[in-house]
Amino acid sequence: VLDPETGEALGSVSSTNASTAVMPGRYLVCFGEARWPVEVAQGQHLTLRPGVVSGSGLDVNGLTIFSADGKKVAGISASRSSFPLPPGDYYVEVNKQKIPFTLGEGDAVQLR
């Protein structure tokens, strides 16, 4: 969890630490290189439901996931077959072809 103006880390959330406390305000929640802007109000308990991209039958090189604007945001492979991402438009490149997909909040997208 980053301060959007300074980039300072203000907390973290993981599979072993499912929550963090922050003051009311605006934040960027990071998933790999993808950023999810959120706003937390006074007394609010905000639950984020990222989408999950997964792949099966991938080799060790796997697939790189790009945001719609071409920024590398994550990767999946035989050793890490899934990755959570904020809702949005993404693509993977296979044989020099861009394969776009949209990920909604809480969605699961399977790449093969």
Protein backbone atom coordinates (compact mmCIF):
# COMPACT_ATOMS: atom_id res chain seq x y z
CA VAL A 1 0.00 0.00 0.00
CA LEU A 2 1.66 3.20 -1.22
CA ASP A 3 1.11 6.91 -0.71
CA PRO A 4 0.21 8.04 -4.27
CA GLU A 5 2.14 11.30 -3.98
CA THR A 6 5.38 10.17 -2.35
CA GLY A 7 5.46 6.47 -3.26
CA GLU A 8 6.18 5.69 0.41
CA ALA A 9 5.09 2.22 1.55
CA LEU A 10 2.45 2.59 4.27
CA GLY A 11 1.44 -1.02 4.78
CA SER A 12 1.31 -4.39 3.11
CA VAL A 13 -1.14 -7.17 2.55
CA SER A 14 -0.33 -10.74 1.56
CA SER A 15 -1.71 -14.26 1.73
CA THR A 16 -0.43 -14.48 5.31
CA ASN A 17 -1.44 -10.92 6.33
CA ALA A 18 -4.88 -10.23 4.87
CA SER A 19 -5.40 -6.70 6.19
CA THR A 20 -3.66 -3.48 7.13
CA ALA A 21 -4.81 -0.35 8.92
CA VAL A 22 -4.47 3.05 7.25
CA MET A 23 -5.75 6.56 7.90
CA PRO A 24 -8.56 7.90 5.71
CA GLY A 25 -7.16 8.98 2.35
CA ARG A 26 -6.10 7.92 -1.12
CA TYR A 27 -3.70 5.06 -1.72
CA LEU A 28 -2.21 2.86 -4.42
CA VAL A 29 -2.41 -0.87 -3.80
CA CYS A 30 0.27 -2.73 -5.75
CA PHE A 31 -0.10 -6.10 -7.45
CA GLY A 32 3.25 -6.73 -9.10
CA GLU A 33 3.77 -3.58 -11.15
CA ALA A 34 0.02 -2.92 -11.50
CA ARG A 35 -1.47 -0.20 -9.30
CA TRP A 36 -5.03 -0.03 -7.97
CA PRO A 37 -6.00 3.47 -6.78
CA VAL A 38 -8.35 3.34 -3.79
CA GLU A 39 -9.88 5.83 -1.39
CA VAL A 40 -10.60 4.95 2.24
CA ALA A 41 -13.16 6.99 4.20
CA GLN A 42 -13.22 7.53 7.97
CA GLY A 43 -14.26 4.28 9.69
CA GLN A 44 -14.49 2.38 6.40
CA HIS A 45 -13.44 -1.26 6.06
CA LEU A 46 -12.49 -1.59 2.40
CA THR A 47 -12.25 -5.05 0.91
CA LEU A 48 -10.45 -5.36 -2.42
CA ARG A 49 -11.28 -8.26 -4.69
CA PRO A 50 -8.58 -8.42 -7.35
CA GLY A 51 -9.08 -10.62 -10.35
CA VAL A 52 -6.79 -13.60 -10.79
CA VAL A 53 -5.01 -14.55 -13.99
CA SER A 54 -3.84 -18.14 -14.15
CA GLY A 55 -2.27 -20.39 -16.72
CA SER A 56 -2.00 -24.09 -17.27
CA GLY A 57 0.58 -26.02 -19.23
CA LEU A 58 3.02 -23.11 -19.11
CA ASP A 59 6.76 -23.61 -19.35
CA VAL A 60 9.33 -21.95 -17.05
CA ASN A 61 9.44 -18.88 -19.31
CA GLY A 62 5.67 -18.50 -19.03
CA LEU A 63 3.76 -15.44 -20.15
CA THR A 64 4.29 -11.78 -19.42
CA ILE A 65 1.14 -9.81 -18.66
CA PHE A 66 0.98 -6.23 -19.95
CA SER A 67 -1.41 -3.42 -19.10
CA ALA A 68 -3.44 -2.01 -21.99
CA ASP A 69 -0.84 0.77 -22.37
CA GLY A 70 2.00 -1.75 -22.81
CA LYS A 71 3.57 -1.70 -19.34
CA LYS A 72 4.78 -5.07 -17.98
CA VAL A 73 2.74 -5.71 -14.83
CA ALA A 74 3.20 -9.40 -13.97
CA GLY A 75 4.09 -12.83 -15.21
CA ILE A 76 2.82 -16.37 -14.84
CA SER A 77 4.77 -19.55 -15.49
CA ALA A 78 5.12 -23.17 -14.48
CA SER A 79 6.57 -22.05 -11.14
CA ARG A 80 3.95 -19.34 -10.47
CA SER A 81 0.76 -20.28 -12.27
CA SER A 82 -1.49 -17.46 -11.03
CA PHE A 83 -1.29 -13.78 -10.19
CA PRO A 84 -3.82 -11.32 -8.70
CA LEU A 85 -4.37 -8.06 -10.60
CA PRO A 86 -6.65 -5.02 -10.29
CA PRO A 87 -9.65 -4.85 -12.60
CA GLY A 88 -8.69 -3.57 -16.04
CA ASP A 89 -7.63 -4.36 -19.57
CA TYR A 90 -4.52 -6.43 -20.14
CA TYR A 91 -2.86 -8.53 -22.81
CA VAL A 92 -0.28 -11.27 -23.25
CA GLU A 93 1.90 -11.71 -26.30
CA VAL A 94 2.08 -15.15 -27.92
CA ASN A 95 4.02 -15.66 -31.16
CA LYS A 96 4.19 -11.87 -31.60
CA GLN A 97 0.39 -11.63 -31.37
CA LYS A 98 -1.27 -9.57 -28.66
CA ILE A 99 -4.08 -11.46 -26.98
CA PRO A 100 -6.22 -8.99 -25.01
CA PHE A 101 -8.39 -9.80 -22.00
CA THR A 102 -10.42 -7.85 -19.48
CA LEU A 103 -10.27 -8.66 -15.81
CA GLY A 104 -13.16 -7.60 -13.59
CA GLU A 105 -13.16 -7.34 -9.81
CA GLY A 106 -13.11 -10.88 -8.40
CA ASP A 107 -12.91 -12.45 -11.89
CA ALA A 108 -10.76 -15.41 -12.79
CA VAL A 109 -9.17 -15.61 -16.25
CA GLN A 110 -7.49 -18.81 -17.39
CA LEU A 111 -4.77 -18.54 -20.05
CA ARG A 112 -3.58 -21.63 -21.90
